[in-house]
Amino acid sequence: MNFKKGDNVKIISGAYAKKTGVISAVIRESGRISVDGINVFKKRTKPKKQGEKGQVISVSRPFDASNAMLICKSCKKPVRVGFRMEGNKKVRYCKKCNAIT
């Protein structure tokens, strides 16, 4: 998977298409990502202790990583990402401007 926590992404399909956000969690086993402010649902919680009230919490649910594209830091466009070796390190680079992301 080409995404890391903290990357800026643009949603390319689904109900939130054309919106951007920052990745808050990456779930590599299922190929899903969670983006702040995208795919937010209300979750109702029951009171844990006697006398406590129940709450409504906003939760950002993960969605498939194929619905998002990385936004390049240098060209500021949604891009595909490639990998190459520079010295002994494997780095990600932008396929449009060839800059390291």
Protein backbone atom coordinates (compact mmCIF):
# COMPACT_ATOMS: atom_id res chain seq x y z
CA MET A 1 0.00 0.00 0.00
CA ASN A 2 1.30 3.44 -0.94
CA PHE A 3 -0.21 5.44 1.93
CA LYS A 4 1.22 6.49 5.28
CA LYS A 5 -0.34 8.16 8.29
CA GLY A 6 -0.23 11.95 7.83
CA ASP A 7 -0.38 11.93 4.00
CA ASN A 8 -2.73 14.33 2.20
CA VAL A 9 -5.15 12.48 -0.07
CA LYS A 10 -7.96 13.32 -2.47
CA ILE A 11 -11.03 11.07 -2.58
CA ILE A 12 -11.69 10.05 -6.20
CA SER A 13 -14.91 8.03 -5.91
CA GLY A 14 -17.90 7.51 -3.67
CA ALA A 15 -20.06 9.94 -1.73
CA TYR A 16 -17.07 12.06 -0.67
CA ALA A 17 -15.50 12.38 -4.15
CA LYS A 18 -13.35 15.49 -4.79
CA LYS A 19 -12.79 16.14 -1.07
CA THR A 20 -9.34 16.18 0.51
CA GLY A 21 -8.09 15.22 3.95
CA VAL A 22 -5.25 13.88 6.06
CA ILE A 23 -4.90 10.16 6.74
CA SER A 24 -5.39 9.36 10.42
CA ALA A 25 -5.03 5.56 10.24
CA VAL A 26 -3.85 2.92 7.77
CA ILE A 27 -5.11 -0.67 8.05
CA ARG A 28 -2.74 -2.69 5.88
CA GLU A 29 -4.36 -6.10 6.47
CA SER A 30 -7.65 -5.05 4.84
CA GLY A 31 -6.28 -2.33 2.51
CA ARG A 32 -8.32 0.45 4.11
CA ILE A 33 -7.56 3.99 5.26
CA SER A 34 -9.28 6.41 7.61
CA VAL A 35 -9.28 10.12 6.75
CA ASP A 36 -10.17 12.94 9.15
CA GLY A 37 -13.55 14.49 8.29
CA ILE A 38 -14.40 11.89 5.62
CA ASN A 39 -16.92 9.05 6.07
CA VAL A 40 -17.97 10.30 9.53
CA PHE A 41 -20.84 8.56 11.31
CA LYS A 42 -22.56 9.11 14.65
CA LYS A 43 -22.06 6.34 17.21
CA ARG A 44 -24.33 6.13 20.24
CA THR A 45 -22.77 4.84 23.43
CA LYS A 46 -24.59 3.52 26.46
CA PRO A 47 -23.80 4.83 29.94
CA LYS A 48 -21.00 2.84 31.56
CA LYS A 49 -21.80 3.72 35.19
CA GLN A 50 -25.05 4.28 36.99
CA GLY A 51 -26.11 7.93 36.84
CA GLU A 52 -23.98 8.62 33.76
CA LYS A 53 -25.63 9.71 30.50
CA GLY A 54 -25.27 8.08 27.12
CA GLN A 55 -23.36 9.98 24.44
CA VAL A 56 -23.31 10.50 20.70
CA ILE A 57 -19.76 10.32 19.31
CA SER A 58 -18.61 11.13 15.76
CA VAL A 59 -16.46 8.30 14.38
CA SER A 60 -14.48 8.36 11.12
CA ARG A 61 -14.90 4.95 9.49
CA PRO A 62 -12.22 3.48 7.23
CA PHE A 63 -12.80 3.02 3.50
CA ASP A 64 -10.92 1.24 0.72
CA ALA A 65 -7.58 2.79 -0.22
CA SER A 66 -8.35 2.48 -3.94
CA ASN A 67 -10.88 5.32 -3.56
CA ALA A 68 -8.12 7.84 -2.73
CA MET A 69 -5.07 9.33 -4.45
CA LEU A 70 -2.03 10.85 -2.80
CA ILE A 71 -1.53 14.61 -3.22
CA CYS A 72 2.08 15.41 -4.15
CA LYS A 73 3.80 17.92 -1.87
CA SER A 74 5.67 19.65 -4.69
CA CYS A 75 3.18 19.75 -7.60
CA LYS A 76 0.02 19.84 -5.37
CA LYS A 77 -1.89 17.42 -7.64
CA PRO A 78 -3.35 13.94 -7.08
CA VAL A 79 -0.72 11.54 -8.37
CA ARG A 80 0.26 7.91 -8.63
CA VAL A 81 3.24 6.93 -6.53
CA GLY A 82 6.24 4.82 -7.47
CA PHE A 83 9.09 3.35 -5.46
CA ARG A 84 12.82 3.43 -6.21
CA MET A 85 16.07 2.80 -4.41
CA GLU A 86 18.26 5.77 -3.50
CA GLY A 87 21.42 4.44 -1.95
CA ASN A 88 20.25 1.83 0.53
CA LYS A 89 16.81 3.39 1.09
CA LYS A 90 13.54 2.66 -0.66
CA VAL A 91 11.73 5.97 -1.30
CA ARG A 92 8.35 6.97 -2.71
CA TYR A 93 8.30 9.39 -5.63
CA CYS A 94 5.68 11.27 -7.63
CA LYS A 95 5.11 9.81 -11.11
CA LYS A 96 4.26 13.28 -12.55
CA CYS A 97 7.07 15.51 -11.27
CA ASN A 98 9.55 12.81 -10.14
CA ALA A 99 9.90 14.44 -6.69
CA ILE A 100 10.32 12.38 -3.52
CA THR A 101 7.12 12.43 -1.44
